[in-house]
Amino acid sequence: MMAIASYLSATSRFVSGLSVLEACGVLGTDRMANPPWSIGGITTRLMTAHVLRGIESATDLNPSVSLSTQYIALALAHLTGAALRVQPGLPEGAGRLAYLAPTFKAVSVSRLSRFTRLPHETVRRQILKLEKMGAVTQRDGGKVIDLSDPARMIPWVDLQTQTDVSTRQTVWKLFRAGVIVHTPPSETPLHPLMP
């Protein structure tokens, strides 16, 4: 029961984040339906399908790498804002989400371990594998995805494009299923991340 509640809470934060950015067709006044339990089953099914598509896309990024190593690479990309740095010529700290001040700094293995909820030693071993492949590099006392090689950037751009398309499809399905609803401005919370 707690797992479903956590999943629905994460979905609500996902929808709220999209509404802050007015991204993927979600407007600033849109929110997740309330009560969430009424749409819990369909929400879980649609979001799980979205996550599985993401895993498949990430696996296609480098099929020779294990899923656990891909998971660490994606977590590192998420924490360091690598997905926002894949456009050629885009300076670090720039991009669509820059005004939300995402973390663009290198992160420690300890931070990555806490984020993934995996043992420190497991994360350290996976990072070493990624470093040997040239996918991760050391910078500013932490680890970052190495996007200095244009040949390596192409698969990341492809992954970003696939993720964007998949997210837009998922959002459309969430709207159609009644999971995301439009709230009239008079009923909208003062801050988009507030319930």
Protein backbone atom coordinates (compact mmCIF):
# COMPACT_ATOMS: atom_id res chain seq x y z
CA MET A 1 0.00 0.00 0.00
CA MET A 2 2.85 2.40 0.83
CA ALA A 3 4.52 1.63 -2.50
CA ILE A 4 1.42 2.70 -4.43
CA ALA A 5 1.10 5.85 -2.33
CA SER A 6 4.76 6.68 -3.07
CA TYR A 7 4.24 5.97 -6.77
CA LEU A 8 1.20 8.24 -6.92
CA SER A 9 3.08 10.94 -5.02
CA ALA A 10 5.96 10.70 -7.50
CA THR A 11 3.49 10.97 -10.39
CA SER A 12 1.94 14.03 -8.78
CA ARG A 13 5.40 15.64 -8.51
CA PHE A 14 6.06 14.70 -12.15
CA VAL A 15 2.85 16.43 -13.25
CA SER A 16 3.60 19.44 -11.01
CA GLY A 17 7.09 19.73 -12.48
CA LEU A 18 5.70 19.70 -16.01
CA SER A 19 3.12 22.34 -15.06
CA VAL A 20 5.83 24.63 -13.66
CA LEU A 21 7.60 24.44 -17.02
CA GLU A 22 4.37 24.29 -19.02
CA ALA A 23 6.01 21.39 -20.83
CA CYS A 24 4.62 18.50 -22.87
CA GLY A 25 1.19 20.12 -23.11
CA VAL A 26 0.73 20.49 -19.35
CA LEU A 27 -0.34 24.03 -18.47
CA GLY A 28 0.50 25.93 -15.30
CA THR A 29 -2.99 25.29 -13.93
CA ASP A 30 -3.04 21.54 -14.66
CA ARG A 31 -2.63 19.03 -11.85
CA MET A 32 -3.11 15.37 -11.00
CA ALA A 33 -6.71 14.33 -10.32
CA ASN A 34 -7.84 14.30 -6.71
CA PRO A 35 -8.34 11.92 -4.94
CA PRO A 36 -5.47 10.03 -6.57
CA TRP A 37 -6.84 6.63 -5.50
CA SER A 38 -9.66 6.89 -8.01
CA ILE A 39 -7.15 6.86 -10.85
CA GLY A 40 -4.41 4.86 -9.09
CA GLY A 41 -4.59 1.76 -11.28
CA ILE A 42 -4.43 3.53 -14.63
CA THR A 43 -1.78 5.93 -13.32
CA THR A 44 0.43 3.06 -12.20
CA ARG A 45 -0.01 1.23 -15.51
CA LEU A 46 0.73 4.27 -17.71
CA MET A 47 3.69 5.50 -15.67
CA THR A 48 5.19 2.00 -15.42
CA ALA A 49 4.96 1.67 -19.21
CA HIS A 50 6.72 5.06 -19.51
CA VAL A 51 9.52 3.95 -17.17
CA LEU A 52 9.94 0.66 -19.05
CA ARG A 53 10.20 2.54 -22.36
CA GLY A 54 12.89 4.69 -20.75
CA ILE A 55 14.79 1.61 -19.62
CA GLU A 56 14.56 0.16 -23.13
CA SER A 57 15.83 3.43 -24.66
CA ALA A 58 18.67 3.58 -22.15
CA THR A 59 19.61 -0.01 -22.91
CA ASP A 60 19.72 0.85 -26.62
CA LEU A 61 22.20 3.63 -25.75
CA ASN A 62 24.83 0.95 -25.18
CA PRO A 63 23.49 -2.63 -25.35
CA SER A 64 26.80 -4.11 -24.15
CA VAL A 65 26.45 -2.43 -20.74
CA SER A 66 24.45 -4.09 -17.97
CA LEU A 67 21.16 -2.60 -16.84
CA SER A 68 22.62 -1.78 -13.42
CA THR A 69 25.47 0.16 -15.03
CA GLN A 70 22.99 1.99 -17.28
CA TYR A 71 20.94 2.84 -14.19
CA ILE A 72 23.97 4.45 -12.54
CA ALA A 73 24.79 6.34 -15.76
CA LEU A 74 21.23 7.66 -16.02
CA ALA A 75 21.18 8.64 -12.35
CA LEU A 76 24.47 10.49 -12.82
CA ALA A 77 23.10 12.21 -15.93
CA HIS A 78 20.02 13.24 -13.96
CA LEU A 79 21.98 14.61 -11.00
CA THR A 80 24.46 16.55 -13.11
CA GLY A 81 22.05 17.94 -15.68
CA ALA A 82 23.80 16.10 -18.52
CA ALA A 83 20.55 15.89 -20.47
CA LEU A 84 20.51 19.68 -20.55
CA ARG A 85 24.06 19.91 -21.90
CA VAL A 86 23.75 17.72 -24.98
CA GLN A 87 22.98 20.45 -27.48
CA PRO A 88 26.11 21.51 -29.35
CA GLY A 89 27.21 25.01 -28.46
CA LEU A 90 24.98 25.25 -25.39
CA PRO A 91 27.02 26.59 -22.46
CA GLU A 92 26.88 24.82 -19.13
CA GLY A 93 24.20 26.20 -16.86
CA ALA A 94 22.05 27.19 -19.83
CA GLY A 95 19.01 25.60 -21.34
CA ARG A 96 15.31 25.38 -20.85
CA LEU A 97 15.42 24.46 -17.18
CA ALA A 98 18.23 26.81 -16.19
CA TYR A 99 15.94 29.23 -14.37
CA LEU A 100 14.98 26.41 -11.99
CA ALA A 101 18.69 26.14 -11.11
CA PRO A 102 19.20 22.40 -11.62
CA THR A 103 22.46 20.95 -10.39
CA PHE A 104 25.07 21.07 -13.12
CA LYS A 105 27.96 20.29 -10.81
CA ALA A 106 29.88 17.05 -10.61
CA VAL A 107 28.60 14.73 -7.89
CA SER A 108 30.34 12.38 -5.52
CA VAL A 109 29.87 8.62 -5.48
CA SER A 110 28.33 9.05 -2.01
CA ARG A 111 25.70 11.45 -3.38
CA LEU A 112 24.97 9.05 -6.23
CA SER A 113 24.69 6.19 -3.75
CA ARG A 114 22.15 8.10 -1.64
CA PHE A 115 20.16 9.10 -4.72
CA THR A 116 19.97 5.55 -6.10
CA ARG A 117 19.62 3.97 -2.64
CA LEU A 118 22.33 1.49 -3.58
CA PRO A 119 25.37 0.56 -1.49
CA HIS A 120 28.33 2.89 -1.91
CA GLU A 121 30.62 0.06 -3.05
CA THR A 122 28.16 -1.05 -5.74
CA VAL A 123 27.92 2.48 -7.13
CA ARG A 124 31.70 2.92 -6.97
CA ARG A 125 32.25 -0.27 -9.01
CA GLN A 126 29.70 0.77 -11.63
CA ILE A 127 31.27 4.24 -11.90
CA LEU A 128 34.69 2.63 -12.42
CA LYS A 129 33.23 0.58 -15.31
CA LEU A 130 31.77 3.74 -16.84
CA GLU A 131 35.09 5.58 -16.43
CA LYS A 132 36.98 2.75 -18.18
CA MET A 133 34.49 3.00 -21.07
CA GLY A 134 35.09 6.76 -21.27
CA ALA A 135 31.45 7.55 -20.47
CA VAL A 136 32.21 9.19 -17.12
CA THR A 137 35.00 11.52 -16.13
CA GLN A 138 36.30 13.17 -12.96
CA ARG A 139 35.74 16.92 -12.67
CA ASP A 140 35.65 19.41 -9.80
CA GLY A 141 36.01 16.69 -7.18
CA GLY A 142 33.14 14.59 -8.53
CA LYS A 143 31.87 12.56 -11.46
CA VAL A 144 30.11 13.76 -14.61
CA ILE A 145 28.94 12.23 -17.88
CA ASP A 146 31.69 12.90 -20.43
CA LEU A 147 30.07 14.67 -23.37
CA SER A 148 33.31 16.08 -24.80
CA ASP A 149 33.38 13.50 -27.62
CA PRO A 150 30.88 14.42 -30.37
CA ALA A 151 30.48 10.72 -31.24
CA ARG A 152 29.33 10.05 -27.68
CA MET A 153 26.96 13.01 -27.76
CA ILE A 154 24.90 11.61 -30.65
CA PRO A 155 23.45 8.69 -28.66
CA TRP A 156 22.66 11.05 -25.77
CA VAL A 157 20.78 13.38 -28.13
CA ASP A 158 18.90 10.34 -29.48
CA LEU A 159 18.04 9.24 -25.94
CA GLN A 160 16.87 12.75 -25.07
CA THR A 161 14.66 12.83 -28.19
CA GLN A 162 13.18 9.40 -27.45
CA THR A 163 12.53 10.41 -23.85
CA ASP A 164 10.85 13.62 -24.96
CA VAL A 165 8.57 11.78 -27.40
CA SER A 166 7.77 9.10 -24.81
CA THR A 167 6.99 11.72 -22.17
CA ARG A 168 4.67 13.60 -24.53
CA GLN A 169 2.84 10.36 -25.36
CA THR A 170 2.54 9.47 -21.69
CA VAL A 171 1.20 12.93 -20.82
CA TRP A 172 -1.38 12.67 -23.61
CA LYS A 173 -2.49 9.29 -22.24
CA LEU A 174 -2.63 10.69 -18.69
CA PHE A 175 -4.90 13.50 -19.92
CA ARG A 176 -7.13 11.06 -21.84
CA ALA A 177 -7.41 8.79 -18.79
CA GLY A 178 -8.34 11.68 -16.50
CA VAL A 179 -5.15 11.45 -14.45
CA ILE A 180 -4.13 15.01 -15.35
CA VAL A 181 -6.94 17.53 -15.08
CA HIS A 182 -7.20 21.21 -15.88
CA THR A 183 -7.83 23.42 -12.86
CA PRO A 184 -9.45 26.80 -13.44
CA PRO A 185 -7.09 29.63 -12.42
CA SER A 186 -9.34 30.55 -9.47
CA GLU A 187 -8.73 27.09 -7.94
CA THR A 188 -5.02 26.93 -8.69
CA PRO A 189 -2.66 26.88 -5.66
CA LEU A 190 -0.41 29.90 -5.12
CA HIS A 191 2.64 27.79 -5.95
CA PRO A 192 2.51 25.11 -8.69
CA LEU A 193 4.27 22.50 -6.52
CA MET A 194 1.73 22.84 -3.70
CA PRO A 195 -1.11 20.27 -3.70
